[in-house]
Amino acid sequence: MKAKNTNSKKIGQSILVVLFALISFYGNAQLKGGHILGAMGLQSGTQAPENTLSVYVPVYIYTANCLRNRDGDSIGNPDLTMFITGAGASYVSDFKILGANYGASILLAGASNAIQGSYIDSKSSFAFTDMYLQPLQLGWHNKRADFVFSYQMYIPTGKYELGGSENSGLGMFMNEISAGTTLFFNDKKTFHFSALAAYEINGKKKDTDIKTGDIFSIEGGLGKTFYCMNAEKTAPKAILNAGLIYYLQYKVSDDKIPVGSLLLEPDKDHVGALGAEVNYFHIGCMTSAGFRWVSEFDAVNRFQGNTFFITLAHVFSTKKK
């Protein structure tokens, strides 16, 4: 009888140790959403031209150089680099809804070292990650401003297991609504400023009651468009876009993390970033290459680092001859 009581006491102590460890871990952790910062920059509020199908390959690299707490102080120097690449397609039609062109996009990708939240143990092998699907995009084009509105979702197709070391997805369904504009400061539309705001609503993680808080993001840039003329100087052979870009992200509502009979709600996180972008589009080949670099600052309750985004694309005309 005494032995049973001793074993029960040890089991109870072990449970308490695990419980306190979880509270310590999750109490300071912030859960990540699906929105990939840096995917948009110059002319983020402009839809692609109508009757076009763009097939693209994105390469996303995020290097974390420090982890910051609720006061913005560095509490760690992680050796962590997240990598994403895949293949996507974006289509814009001449079909009108409320005077706007209808469009849609899809991205299938893989990821390594998928960051699940603001904790250093985030390393994993390259594997298929969550799928991005944008079934609705509306774009308006005016003389001095473009506008865009869209709905997108992140489908949990990547591997996810609570506490797993090889997770490639976030294990939750995510809905997002975005709206933005690009303002042009001259008649030729060569000098512009853009802002695209997105609001992400996250569901519960797979087989758990853990719920990531809603996330608000803003991305855009201030840039200049240059037309590279042909040898005869009769028509442009290429278009070059270059300028400064930025992003901001804020956790709007608290994460909900049940630990035993407790419900943890860690302090919200936020981050800002500034950088540069250059895009080159060759008109004859209908191909483009783009590069973005953004350096983060003012991070709270999350990693702070550098974002690199490379995009290669080919554009097909879908206009009926």
Protein backbone atom coordinates (compact mmCIF):
# COMPACT_ATOMS: atom_id res chain seq x y z
CA MET A 1 0.00 0.00 0.00
CA LYS A 2 2.86 2.30 0.86
CA ALA A 3 4.59 1.47 -2.42
CA LYS A 4 1.44 2.41 -4.36
CA ASN A 5 1.22 5.75 -2.56
CA THR A 6 4.90 6.41 -3.32
CA ASN A 7 4.40 5.61 -7.00
CA SER A 8 1.30 7.80 -7.14
CA LYS A 9 3.25 10.63 -5.54
CA LYS A 10 6.07 10.27 -8.08
CA ILE A 11 3.60 10.23 -10.96
CA GLY A 12 1.91 13.34 -9.58
CA GLN A 13 5.26 15.09 -9.23
CA SER A 14 6.18 14.15 -12.80
CA ILE A 15 2.89 15.53 -14.11
CA LEU A 16 3.49 18.78 -12.22
CA VAL A 17 7.01 19.04 -13.65
CA VAL A 18 5.67 18.57 -17.20
CA LEU A 19 2.82 21.00 -16.53
CA PHE A 20 5.14 23.72 -15.23
CA ALA A 21 7.51 23.14 -18.16
CA LEU A 22 4.63 23.58 -20.60
CA ILE A 23 3.47 26.73 -18.81
CA SER A 24 7.00 28.13 -18.89
CA PHE A 25 7.37 27.27 -22.59
CA TYR A 26 3.98 28.35 -23.91
CA GLY A 27 3.65 31.27 -21.49
CA ASN A 28 6.42 33.05 -23.38
CA ALA A 29 5.70 31.62 -26.85
CA GLN A 30 3.81 33.35 -29.65
CA LEU A 31 2.17 31.19 -32.30
CA LYS A 32 2.84 31.95 -35.96
CA GLY A 33 0.24 32.54 -38.68
CA GLY A 34 0.32 31.56 -42.34
CA HIS A 35 0.85 35.00 -43.90
CA ILE A 36 4.31 35.17 -45.48
CA LEU A 37 5.76 38.63 -44.92
CA GLY A 38 7.77 39.96 -47.83
CA ALA A 39 5.65 38.26 -50.49
CA MET A 40 4.31 41.69 -51.50
CA GLY A 41 6.16 44.96 -51.98
CA LEU A 42 6.15 47.57 -54.76
CA GLN A 43 2.70 48.11 -56.31
CA SER A 44 1.16 45.69 -53.81
CA GLY A 45 -2.23 47.31 -54.44
CA THR A 46 -2.16 46.63 -58.20
CA GLN A 47 -3.58 43.58 -59.96
CA ALA A 48 -1.76 42.09 -62.96
CA PRO A 49 -3.08 43.01 -66.44
CA GLU A 50 -6.24 41.28 -67.62
CA ASN A 51 -6.15 38.14 -69.80
CA THR A 52 -2.86 36.95 -68.36
CA LEU A 53 -1.73 33.73 -66.72
CA SER A 54 1.49 33.99 -64.69
CA VAL A 55 3.39 30.85 -63.72
CA TYR A 56 5.99 31.59 -61.07
CA VAL A 57 8.59 30.05 -58.77
CA PRO A 58 9.08 31.89 -55.45
CA VAL A 59 12.09 31.43 -53.17
CA TYR A 60 11.62 32.67 -49.59
CA ILE A 61 14.48 32.76 -47.07
CA TYR A 62 14.13 34.08 -43.53
CA THR A 63 17.17 34.27 -41.24
CA ALA A 64 16.51 34.91 -37.55
CA ASN A 65 19.33 36.73 -35.78
CA CYS A 66 17.70 37.21 -32.37
CA LEU A 67 14.64 36.39 -30.28
CA ARG A 68 13.04 39.32 -28.45
CA ASN A 69 10.79 39.27 -25.37
CA ARG A 70 7.78 41.38 -24.39
CA ASP A 71 10.06 44.36 -23.64
CA GLY A 72 11.85 44.08 -26.99
CA ASP A 73 15.07 42.87 -25.34
CA SER A 74 17.12 40.14 -27.00
CA ILE A 75 16.90 36.85 -25.07
CA GLY A 76 18.59 34.55 -27.57
CA ASN A 77 20.65 34.35 -30.74
CA PRO A 78 19.18 31.46 -32.75
CA ASP A 79 20.94 29.83 -35.67
CA LEU A 80 17.75 29.46 -37.68
CA THR A 81 16.98 29.84 -41.38
CA MET A 82 13.52 29.12 -42.79
CA PHE A 83 13.30 28.19 -46.49
CA ILE A 84 10.24 27.94 -48.75
CA THR A 85 9.99 27.28 -52.48
CA GLY A 86 7.47 25.79 -54.86
CA ALA A 87 5.40 26.58 -57.95
CA GLY A 88 2.39 28.82 -58.33
CA ALA A 89 0.02 30.29 -60.88
CA SER A 90 -1.98 33.51 -60.99
CA TYR A 91 -4.77 34.25 -63.47
CA VAL A 92 -6.52 37.54 -64.27
CA SER A 93 -9.54 37.49 -66.61
CA ASP A 94 -11.51 40.15 -68.46
CA PHE A 95 -14.65 39.09 -66.55
CA LYS A 96 -15.97 42.01 -64.51
CA ILE A 97 -17.44 42.02 -61.00
CA LEU A 98 -18.50 45.45 -59.69
CA GLY A 99 -16.36 46.98 -62.41
CA ALA A 100 -13.27 45.02 -61.36
CA ASN A 101 -11.35 42.27 -63.15
CA TYR A 102 -11.68 38.84 -61.55
CA GLY A 103 -8.54 36.87 -60.72
CA ALA A 104 -7.37 33.82 -58.76
CA SER A 105 -4.08 32.28 -57.57
CA ILE A 106 -2.63 29.05 -56.16
CA LEU A 107 0.73 28.10 -54.66
CA LEU A 108 2.05 24.61 -53.88
CA ALA A 109 5.27 24.73 -51.88
CA GLY A 110 7.66 22.95 -49.58
CA ALA A 111 9.38 24.29 -46.47
CA SER A 112 12.30 23.49 -44.22
CA ASN A 113 12.85 24.75 -40.67
CA ALA A 114 9.19 25.80 -40.62
CA ILE A 115 8.79 28.32 -37.78
CA GLN A 116 5.81 27.36 -35.61
CA GLY A 117 6.16 30.21 -33.12
CA SER A 118 8.64 32.29 -31.15
CA TYR A 119 10.78 29.46 -29.86
CA ILE A 120 14.17 28.37 -31.05
CA ASP A 121 13.53 24.63 -31.54
CA SER A 122 12.00 25.05 -35.02
CA LYS A 123 14.30 22.98 -37.23
CA SER A 124 12.77 20.45 -39.64
CA SER A 125 13.57 18.82 -42.98
CA PHE A 126 12.27 20.10 -46.32
CA ALA A 127 8.73 18.80 -46.90
CA PHE A 128 5.39 19.74 -48.47
CA THR A 129 3.87 22.62 -46.54
CA ASP A 130 0.43 24.24 -46.29
CA MET A 131 -1.23 25.16 -49.58
CA TYR A 132 -2.10 28.76 -50.49
CA LEU A 133 -5.31 29.30 -52.45
CA GLN A 134 -6.79 32.62 -53.50
CA PRO A 135 -10.18 31.92 -55.14
CA LEU A 136 -11.16 35.59 -55.37
CA GLN A 137 -9.22 38.68 -56.37
CA LEU A 138 -10.79 41.86 -57.70
CA GLY A 139 -8.74 44.62 -59.30
CA TRP A 140 -9.68 48.16 -60.32
CA HIS A 141 -7.50 50.47 -62.45
CA ASN A 142 -7.98 54.24 -62.42
CA LYS A 143 -5.91 57.11 -63.82
CA ARG A 144 -4.07 57.90 -60.58
CA ALA A 145 -4.79 54.85 -58.41
CA ASP A 146 -5.26 51.08 -58.54
CA PHE A 147 -7.27 49.11 -56.00
CA VAL A 148 -7.37 45.43 -55.12
CA PHE A 149 -9.51 43.24 -52.86
CA SER A 150 -9.05 39.52 -52.28
CA TYR A 151 -9.93 36.50 -50.16
CA GLN A 152 -7.36 33.77 -49.62
CA MET A 153 -7.00 30.66 -47.49
CA TYR A 154 -4.14 28.55 -46.20
CA ILE A 155 -5.08 24.87 -46.27
CA PRO A 156 -3.30 22.59 -43.71
CA THR A 157 -1.74 20.13 -46.17
CA GLY A 158 1.67 20.13 -44.47
CA LYS A 159 2.65 17.64 -41.79
CA TYR A 160 1.70 18.70 -38.27
CA GLU A 161 1.78 16.93 -34.91
CA LEU A 162 1.62 18.69 -31.55
CA GLY A 163 5.19 18.84 -30.24
CA GLY A 164 6.54 17.15 -33.39
CA SER A 165 10.09 17.89 -34.51
CA GLU A 166 9.42 17.42 -38.26
CA ASN A 167 6.41 19.68 -38.76
CA SER A 168 6.25 21.36 -42.16
CA GLY A 169 2.82 22.97 -41.72
CA LEU A 170 0.95 24.87 -39.01
CA GLY A 171 -1.85 22.33 -38.59
CA MET A 172 -4.70 24.81 -38.90
CA PHE A 173 -7.06 26.27 -41.49
CA MET A 174 -6.50 29.99 -42.04
CA ASN A 175 -8.81 32.54 -43.70
CA GLU A 176 -7.54 35.93 -44.83
CA ILE A 177 -9.09 39.05 -46.37
CA SER A 178 -6.94 41.77 -47.90
CA ALA A 179 -7.43 45.16 -49.54
CA GLY A 180 -4.98 47.71 -50.86
CA THR A 181 -4.12 50.50 -53.24
CA THR A 182 -1.30 51.81 -55.39
CA LEU A 183 -1.19 55.59 -55.76
CA PHE A 184 0.50 57.15 -58.80
CA PHE A 185 2.05 60.60 -58.53
CA ASN A 186 2.40 61.38 -62.26
CA ASP A 187 0.42 60.78 -65.47
CA LYS A 188 2.84 58.14 -66.76
CA LYS A 189 2.38 56.11 -63.54
CA THR A 190 6.12 55.78 -63.09
CA PHE A 191 6.28 57.11 -59.49
CA HIS A 192 4.12 55.23 -57.01
CA PHE A 193 3.34 54.30 -53.39
CA SER A 194 1.43 51.20 -52.30
CA ALA A 195 -0.12 49.64 -49.21
CA LEU A 196 -1.85 46.26 -48.88
CA ALA A 197 -3.59 45.39 -45.59
CA ALA A 198 -4.46 41.78 -44.69
CA TYR A 199 -6.46 40.34 -41.78
CA GLU A 200 -5.87 36.65 -40.98
CA ILE A 201 -8.35 34.57 -38.94
CA ASN A 202 -6.92 31.28 -37.66
CA GLY A 203 -8.68 28.06 -36.70
CA LYS A 204 -7.70 25.54 -34.02
CA LYS A 205 -4.62 23.43 -34.53
CA LYS A 206 -5.09 19.79 -35.54
CA ASP A 207 -6.35 17.52 -32.71
CA THR A 208 -5.99 20.31 -30.12
CA ASP A 209 -7.83 23.29 -28.67
CA ILE A 210 -4.83 25.55 -29.35
CA LYS A 211 -5.82 28.60 -31.37
CA THR A 212 -3.53 31.22 -32.88
CA GLY A 213 -4.76 34.80 -32.50
CA ASP A 214 -5.89 36.91 -35.45
CA ILE A 215 -3.08 38.71 -37.32
CA PHE A 216 -3.03 42.08 -39.12
CA SER A 217 -0.33 42.78 -41.74
CA ILE A 218 0.53 45.75 -43.98
CA GLU A 219 2.97 45.56 -46.92
CA GLY A 220 3.96 47.95 -49.66
CA GLY A 221 6.58 50.31 -51.00
CA LEU A 222 7.62 53.56 -52.63
CA GLY A 223 9.11 53.05 -56.07
CA LYS A 224 9.97 54.24 -59.55
CA THR A 225 9.28 52.54 -62.90
CA PHE A 226 11.86 52.80 -65.69
CA TYR A 227 11.24 51.86 -69.34
CA CYS A 228 14.27 50.39 -71.13
CA MET A 229 13.95 51.31 -74.81
CA ASN A 230 15.01 49.22 -77.81
CA ALA A 231 17.95 50.16 -80.04
CA GLU A 232 15.74 52.28 -82.31
CA LYS A 233 14.17 53.95 -79.24
CA THR A 234 10.73 53.36 -80.71
CA ALA A 235 9.33 51.05 -78.02
CA PRO A 236 10.29 49.67 -74.61
CA LYS A 237 11.99 46.27 -74.53
CA ALA A 238 11.88 45.90 -70.75
CA ILE A 239 10.40 47.44 -67.60
CA LEU A 240 12.42 47.98 -64.43
CA ASN A 241 10.79 48.65 -61.05
CA ALA A 242 12.92 49.66 -58.06
CA GLY A 243 12.39 51.28 -54.68
CA LEU A 244 12.02 51.01 -50.92
CA ILE A 245 9.63 48.51 -49.34
CA TYR A 246 8.24 47.82 -45.87
CA TYR A 247 6.04 45.52 -43.82
CA LEU A 248 4.32 45.66 -40.44
CA GLN A 249 2.58 42.85 -38.59
CA TYR A 250 0.57 42.84 -35.35
CA LYS A 251 -1.13 40.04 -33.39
CA VAL A 252 -4.64 41.46 -32.90
CA SER A 253 -6.14 38.90 -30.51
CA ASP A 254 -4.49 36.63 -27.92
CA ASP A 255 -3.33 33.11 -28.66
CA LYS A 256 -5.40 30.51 -26.76
CA ILE A 257 -3.21 27.72 -25.37
CA PRO A 258 -4.90 25.23 -22.97
CA VAL A 259 -2.43 23.57 -20.57
CA GLY A 260 -4.28 21.19 -18.25
CA SER A 261 -7.07 23.21 -16.61
CA LEU A 262 -5.30 26.48 -17.41
CA LEU A 263 -5.77 28.69 -20.48
CA LEU A 264 -2.63 30.61 -21.38
CA GLU A 265 -2.90 33.87 -23.33
CA PRO A 266 0.66 35.08 -24.05
CA ASP A 267 1.35 38.77 -24.73
CA LYS A 268 0.75 39.77 -28.35
CA ASP A 269 3.67 40.16 -30.76
CA HIS A 270 4.51 42.68 -33.47
CA VAL A 271 7.33 43.54 -35.88
CA GLY A 272 8.32 46.18 -38.45
CA ALA A 273 10.69 45.98 -41.41
CA LEU A 274 12.29 48.14 -44.11
CA GLY A 275 14.18 47.11 -47.24
CA ALA A 276 14.56 47.37 -51.00
CA GLU A 277 13.14 45.71 -54.12
CA VAL A 278 14.07 45.48 -57.78
CA ASN A 279 12.00 43.82 -60.55
CA TYR A 280 12.91 43.33 -64.21
CA PHE A 281 10.34 42.34 -66.85
CA HIS A 282 11.48 41.52 -70.41
CA ILE A 283 8.61 42.28 -72.77
CA GLY A 284 9.80 40.13 -75.68
CA CYS A 285 10.27 36.99 -73.58
CA MET A 286 7.36 37.81 -71.25
CA THR A 287 9.50 36.76 -68.29
CA SER A 288 10.34 38.53 -65.05
CA ALA A 289 12.77 38.28 -62.15
CA GLY A 290 12.34 40.02 -58.82
CA PHE A 291 14.35 40.37 -55.63
CA ARG A 292 13.31 41.74 -52.22
CA TRP A 293 15.38 42.19 -49.07
CA VAL A 294 13.78 43.40 -45.84
CA SER A 295 15.45 43.92 -42.45
CA GLU A 296 13.24 43.69 -39.36
CA PHE A 297 13.20 46.06 -36.36
CA ASP A 298 11.14 46.71 -33.23
CA ALA A 299 10.23 43.02 -32.79
CA VAL A 300 8.34 42.09 -29.59
CA ASN A 301 7.67 38.50 -28.46
CA ARG A 302 9.04 37.05 -31.69
CA PHE A 303 12.10 36.50 -33.86
CA GLN A 304 13.82 39.43 -35.53
CA GLY A 305 15.86 38.92 -38.67
CA ASN A 306 16.10 39.40 -42.44
CA THR A 307 13.73 38.35 -45.21
CA PHE A 308 14.88 37.54 -48.76
CA PHE A 309 12.33 36.91 -51.51
CA ILE A 310 13.21 35.91 -55.09
CA THR A 311 10.57 35.39 -57.79
CA LEU A 312 10.95 34.05 -61.33
CA ALA A 313 7.87 34.16 -63.56
CA HIS A 314 6.64 33.68 -67.11
CA VAL A 315 3.49 35.42 -68.33
CA PHE A 316 1.12 33.89 -70.89
CA SER A 317 -1.52 35.86 -72.74
CA THR A 318 -5.02 34.34 -72.55
CA LYS A 319 -6.63 36.91 -74.81
CA LYS A 320 -8.69 35.33 -77.58
CA LYS A 321 -7.24 35.98 -81.02
